[in-house]
């Protein structure tokens, strides 16, 4: 049996410090805890390394010779693989929150003088850490298999910013799933059930114009397509259209809706 988990949160909060300071401190401790779990968990470390490489190589060499997108397929593919990896990586937020809720660690945290929201926010911030590593691996593998962007330094900054914003949005949704599911088994598959259709019925791998009517309408008007198209435009110079501002609006909208809903669900689960 493993030793009880130790969380270093002060039992006394001096009045001279603001509540905001203690909220930031609590979030910092919770994200450190989540990041330690990532580093110590072999399956999470392997997923950080293997999934990005597998997605890139399979799609680059299995689909690359049979799809015509008007540009070099590896350049077309790269933004789709990047966004897909970020979306799948957020599923660990669902799993880790479900584990915390199932194993009773939340009851221990409730006995400490800490902000109740710090646990959820800590998981989401750890997701940024995880997806940053996956993103770096995707970039390196992309260059190895022929990805040649035309992006300027400013374009790369915008791509990184949009990647972080998208991760926050998808992780916020994943936190809701982690609070809704009743078992760890459900937490492991529910995220993939939602992410698979969104990533494959999009512009990630093929032009949306090649899809049949209803699927084309869905693909062209869902958030993942807008994010991919915005990144693709910044990286390889394809037409931006409305994808830039629509991708930002979608991500911010998801965050604005998900954050209060997550807080309400967390308080509701704690009250049960």
Protein backbone atom coordinates (compact mmCIF):
# COMPACT_ATOMS: atom_id res chain seq x y z
CA UNK A 1 0.00 0.00 0.00
CA UNK A 2 1.41 3.39 -0.98
CA UNK A 3 2.03 6.06 1.63
CA UNK A 4 -0.65 8.73 2.15
CA UNK A 5 -0.24 11.71 -0.11
CA UNK A 6 1.22 14.79 1.55
CA UNK A 7 0.07 18.25 0.49
CA UNK A 8 2.06 21.18 1.86
CA UNK A 9 -0.62 23.77 2.54
CA UNK A 10 -0.30 26.00 5.54
CA UNK A 11 -2.76 25.47 8.37
CA UNK A 12 -2.64 29.15 9.25
CA UNK A 13 -3.30 31.94 6.81
CA UNK A 14 -2.03 35.28 8.16
CA UNK A 15 -4.56 38.09 7.88
CA UNK A 16 -1.98 40.42 6.34
CA UNK A 17 -2.08 38.41 3.12
CA UNK A 18 -5.00 38.81 0.75
CA UNK A 19 -7.39 36.04 -0.18
CA UNK A 20 -6.09 36.32 -3.72
CA UNK A 21 -2.57 35.46 -2.53
CA UNK A 22 -3.83 32.33 -0.82
CA UNK A 23 -5.90 31.33 -3.83
CA UNK A 24 -2.81 31.60 -6.04
CA UNK A 25 -0.76 29.67 -3.47
CA UNK A 26 -3.37 26.89 -3.26
CA UNK A 27 -3.56 26.62 -7.05
CA UNK A 28 0.24 26.50 -7.22
CA UNK A 29 0.36 23.60 -4.75
CA UNK A 30 -2.37 21.70 -6.59
CA UNK A 31 -0.74 22.09 -10.00
CA UNK A 32 2.59 20.94 -8.52
CA UNK A 33 0.79 17.88 -7.22
CA UNK A 34 -0.76 17.18 -10.62
CA UNK A 35 2.54 17.64 -12.45
CA UNK A 36 4.27 15.26 -10.02
CA UNK A 37 1.61 12.67 -10.85
CA UNK A 38 2.33 13.11 -14.56
CA UNK A 39 6.08 12.68 -14.08
CA UNK A 40 5.70 9.67 -11.78
CA UNK A 41 3.07 7.92 -13.93
CA UNK A 42 4.65 5.74 -16.61
CA UNK A 43 1.51 5.59 -18.73
CA UNK A 44 1.19 9.38 -18.82
CA UNK A 45 4.87 9.82 -19.66
CA UNK A 46 4.59 7.25 -22.46
CA UNK A 47 1.47 8.94 -23.84
CA UNK A 48 3.31 12.26 -23.89
CA UNK A 49 6.03 10.71 -26.02
CA UNK A 50 4.34 8.00 -28.09
CA UNK A 51 0.94 9.42 -29.03
CA UNK A 52 2.24 12.52 -30.85
CA UNK A 53 4.84 10.46 -32.71
CA UNK A 54 2.32 7.74 -33.62
CA UNK A 55 -0.34 10.18 -34.84
CA UNK A 56 2.15 12.08 -36.98
CA UNK A 57 3.87 9.06 -38.54
CA UNK A 58 0.69 7.08 -39.26
CA UNK A 59 -1.15 9.95 -40.89
CA UNK A 60 1.93 11.25 -42.70
CA UNK A 61 2.84 7.95 -44.34
CA UNK A 62 -0.51 6.10 -44.48
CA UNK A 63 -2.68 8.93 -45.79
CA UNK A 64 -0.04 11.24 -47.23
CA UNK A 65 0.27 9.54 -50.60
CA UNK A 66 -3.45 9.35 -51.40
CA UNK A 67 -4.87 12.76 -50.39
CA UNK A 68 -4.63 15.91 -52.46
CA UNK A 69 -5.12 19.10 -50.46
CA UNK A 70 -3.51 21.58 -52.80
CA UNK A 71 -0.44 21.94 -50.58
CA UNK A 72 2.24 19.52 -49.43
CA UNK A 73 0.28 17.07 -47.30
CA UNK A 74 2.68 17.09 -44.36
CA UNK A 75 2.26 20.88 -44.16
CA UNK A 76 -1.51 20.49 -44.35
CA UNK A 77 -1.46 17.69 -41.78
CA UNK A 78 0.72 19.28 -39.10
CA UNK A 79 -1.86 21.72 -37.59
CA UNK A 80 -4.49 18.96 -37.50
CA UNK A 81 -2.18 16.56 -35.67
CA UNK A 82 -1.17 19.31 -33.25
CA UNK A 83 -4.77 20.17 -32.36
CA UNK A 84 -5.75 16.50 -32.18
CA UNK A 85 -2.90 15.82 -29.75
CA UNK A 86 -3.90 18.77 -27.57
CA UNK A 87 -7.52 17.59 -27.54
CA UNK A 88 -6.68 14.00 -26.64
CA UNK A 89 -4.19 15.14 -24.00
CA UNK A 90 -6.97 16.95 -22.15
CA UNK A 91 -8.63 13.58 -21.49
CA UNK A 92 -6.18 13.11 -18.61
CA UNK A 93 -7.94 15.98 -16.84
CA UNK A 94 -11.13 13.92 -16.94
CA UNK A 95 -9.35 10.83 -15.64
CA UNK A 96 -7.36 12.56 -12.89
CA UNK A 97 -10.36 14.48 -11.55
CA UNK A 98 -12.44 11.30 -11.58
CA UNK A 99 -9.68 9.51 -9.64
CA UNK A 100 -9.59 12.27 -7.01
CA UNK A 101 -13.36 12.22 -6.62
CA UNK A 102 -13.46 8.42 -6.41
CA UNK A 103 -10.57 7.90 -3.99
CA UNK A 104 -11.75 10.42 -1.41
CA UNK A 105 -8.76 12.76 -1.55
CA UNK A 106 -11.22 15.65 -1.90
CA UNK A 107 -12.53 14.93 1.60
CA UNK A 108 -9.01 15.40 2.96
CA UNK A 109 -8.64 18.69 1.10
CA UNK A 110 -11.95 19.93 2.52
CA UNK A 111 -10.45 19.70 6.00
CA UNK A 112 -7.64 22.07 4.99
CA UNK A 113 -7.87 25.88 4.79
CA UNK A 114 -7.66 25.92 1.00
CA UNK A 115 -9.80 27.21 -1.84
CA UNK A 116 -12.13 24.48 -3.09
CA UNK A 117 -11.52 25.51 -6.71
CA UNK A 118 -7.75 25.05 -6.45
CA UNK A 119 -7.91 21.30 -7.12
CA UNK A 120 -9.73 21.69 -10.45
CA UNK A 121 -7.64 24.67 -11.57
CA UNK A 122 -4.47 22.79 -10.64
CA UNK A 123 -5.44 19.89 -12.92
CA UNK A 124 -6.17 22.28 -15.79
CA UNK A 125 -2.82 24.07 -15.39
CA UNK A 126 -1.05 20.71 -15.30
CA UNK A 127 -2.79 19.97 -18.60
CA UNK A 128 -1.06 23.02 -20.06
CA UNK A 129 2.26 21.55 -18.92
CA UNK A 130 1.45 18.16 -20.43
CA UNK A 131 0.26 19.58 -23.74
CA UNK A 132 3.25 21.90 -23.99
CA UNK A 133 5.55 18.87 -23.93
CA UNK A 134 3.37 17.05 -26.48
CA UNK A 135 3.37 20.14 -28.70
CA UNK A 136 7.16 20.35 -28.64
CA UNK A 137 7.39 16.67 -29.61
CA UNK A 138 4.91 17.20 -32.47
CA UNK A 139 6.98 20.11 -33.80
CA UNK A 140 10.22 18.10 -33.68
CA UNK A 141 8.67 15.04 -35.34
CA UNK A 142 6.98 17.27 -37.92
CA UNK A 143 10.32 18.74 -38.98
CA UNK A 144 11.81 15.24 -39.18
CA UNK A 145 9.09 14.02 -41.59
CA UNK A 146 9.21 17.05 -43.87
CA UNK A 147 7.09 19.79 -42.30
CA UNK A 148 8.37 23.11 -43.61
CA UNK A 149 6.41 26.10 -42.27
CA UNK A 150 6.47 29.58 -43.76
CA UNK A 151 5.58 31.20 -40.44
CA UNK A 152 7.34 34.25 -39.04
CA UNK A 153 8.30 34.61 -35.38
CA UNK A 154 5.09 36.56 -34.75
CA UNK A 155 3.06 33.81 -36.43
CA UNK A 156 4.62 31.18 -34.15
CA UNK A 157 3.78 33.31 -31.11
CA UNK A 158 0.15 33.43 -32.26
CA UNK A 159 0.12 29.66 -32.84
CA UNK A 160 1.48 29.06 -29.32
CA UNK A 161 -1.06 31.46 -27.83
CA UNK A 162 -3.95 29.82 -29.67
CA UNK A 163 -2.68 26.36 -28.62
CA UNK A 164 -2.68 27.39 -24.95
CA UNK A 165 -6.11 29.00 -25.26
CA UNK A 166 -7.49 25.88 -26.94
CA UNK A 167 -5.96 23.68 -24.24
CA UNK A 168 -7.64 25.77 -21.53
CA UNK A 169 -10.96 25.44 -23.33
CA UNK A 170 -10.80 21.69 -23.94
CA UNK A 171 -9.44 21.05 -20.43
CA UNK A 172 -12.33 23.01 -18.92
CA UNK A 173 -14.75 20.75 -20.79
CA UNK A 174 -12.78 17.70 -19.67
CA UNK A 175 -13.06 18.84 -16.04
CA UNK A 176 -16.84 18.80 -16.41
CA UNK A 177 -16.69 15.23 -17.71
CA UNK A 178 -14.50 14.22 -14.78
CA UNK A 179 -17.11 15.51 -12.36
CA UNK A 180 -20.03 13.91 -14.19
CA UNK A 181 -18.78 10.35 -14.62
CA UNK A 182 -19.47 7.87 -11.86
CA UNK A 183 -16.63 5.43 -12.48
CA UNK A 184 -13.00 5.43 -13.53
CA UNK A 185 -13.84 3.16 -16.47
CA UNK A 186 -16.25 5.77 -17.83
CA UNK A 187 -13.64 8.51 -17.37
CA UNK A 188 -11.20 6.59 -19.56
CA UNK A 189 -13.49 6.36 -22.59
CA UNK A 190 -15.91 9.27 -22.44
CA UNK A 191 -13.39 11.87 -23.57
CA UNK A 192 -12.36 9.81 -26.59
CA UNK A 193 -15.99 9.29 -27.59
CA UNK A 194 -16.40 13.05 -27.81
CA UNK A 195 -12.99 13.99 -29.21
CA UNK A 196 -12.76 11.38 -31.97
CA UNK A 197 -15.78 12.66 -33.96
CA UNK A 198 -14.75 16.29 -33.50
CA UNK A 199 -11.20 15.73 -34.74
CA UNK A 200 -12.00 13.38 -37.61
CA UNK A 201 -15.06 15.28 -38.85
CA UNK A 202 -13.02 18.43 -39.31
CA UNK A 203 -10.36 19.87 -41.58
CA UNK A 204 -7.61 18.02 -39.70
CA UNK A 205 -6.89 15.37 -42.35
CA UNK A 206 -8.94 16.22 -45.46
CA UNK A 207 -10.52 19.23 -47.08
CA UNK A 208 -14.02 19.73 -45.69
CA UNK A 209 -15.25 20.28 -49.25
CA UNK A 210 -14.77 16.54 -49.89
CA UNK A 211 -17.22 15.53 -47.15
CA UNK A 212 -20.88 14.70 -47.86
CA UNK A 213 -23.49 17.41 -47.18
CA UNK A 214 -24.42 17.09 -43.47
CA UNK A 215 -20.91 16.16 -42.40
CA UNK A 216 -19.50 19.07 -44.38
CA UNK A 217 -21.86 21.53 -42.69
CA UNK A 218 -20.90 20.17 -39.27
CA UNK A 219 -17.17 20.10 -40.03
CA UNK A 220 -17.08 23.67 -41.34
CA UNK A 221 -18.92 25.09 -38.33
CA UNK A 222 -17.36 23.35 -35.34
CA UNK A 223 -14.62 24.84 -33.16
CA UNK A 224 -11.82 22.37 -33.88
CA UNK A 225 -11.98 23.13 -37.60
CA UNK A 226 -11.71 26.86 -36.91
CA UNK A 227 -8.70 26.35 -34.62
CA UNK A 228 -6.97 24.09 -37.16
CA UNK A 229 -7.64 26.46 -40.05
CA UNK A 230 -6.32 29.42 -38.08
CA UNK A 231 -3.12 27.57 -37.19
CA UNK A 232 -2.72 26.28 -40.74
CA UNK A 233 -3.02 29.80 -42.11
CA UNK A 234 -0.40 31.11 -39.69
CA UNK A 235 2.01 28.24 -40.32
CA UNK A 236 1.79 27.57 -44.07
CA UNK A 237 -0.08 30.55 -45.49
CA UNK A 238 -3.44 29.02 -46.43
CA UNK A 239 -6.39 31.45 -46.50
CA UNK A 240 -7.43 32.53 -42.98
CA UNK A 241 -11.00 33.62 -43.71
CA UNK A 242 -13.04 33.90 -40.52
CA UNK A 243 -11.10 31.13 -38.76
CA UNK A 244 -8.92 33.50 -36.73
CA UNK A 245 -11.56 35.35 -34.78
CA UNK A 246 -13.99 32.42 -34.76
CA UNK A 247 -11.40 30.14 -33.14
CA UNK A 248 -10.75 32.69 -30.39
CA UNK A 249 -14.49 33.31 -29.84
CA UNK A 250 -15.18 29.57 -29.62
CA UNK A 251 -12.37 28.98 -27.10
CA UNK A 252 -13.30 31.94 -24.90
CA UNK A 253 -16.97 30.99 -25.08
CA UNK A 254 -16.24 27.42 -23.98
CA UNK A 255 -14.14 28.69 -21.06
CA UNK A 256 -16.76 31.24 -19.97
CA UNK A 257 -19.47 28.57 -19.94
CA UNK A 258 -17.36 25.71 -18.56
CA UNK A 259 -15.67 27.44 -15.61
CA UNK A 260 -18.83 28.34 -13.62
CA UNK A 261 -20.45 25.03 -14.55
CA UNK A 262 -17.39 23.16 -13.29
CA UNK A 263 -17.49 25.11 -10.02
CA UNK A 264 -21.18 24.34 -9.56
CA UNK A 265 -20.70 20.62 -10.26
CA UNK A 266 -17.73 20.45 -7.90
CA UNK A 267 -19.67 22.08 -5.05
CA UNK A 268 -22.62 19.78 -5.79
CA UNK A 269 -20.44 16.65 -5.66
CA UNK A 270 -18.84 17.84 -2.41
CA UNK A 271 -22.25 18.40 -0.85
CA UNK A 272 -23.37 14.83 -1.54
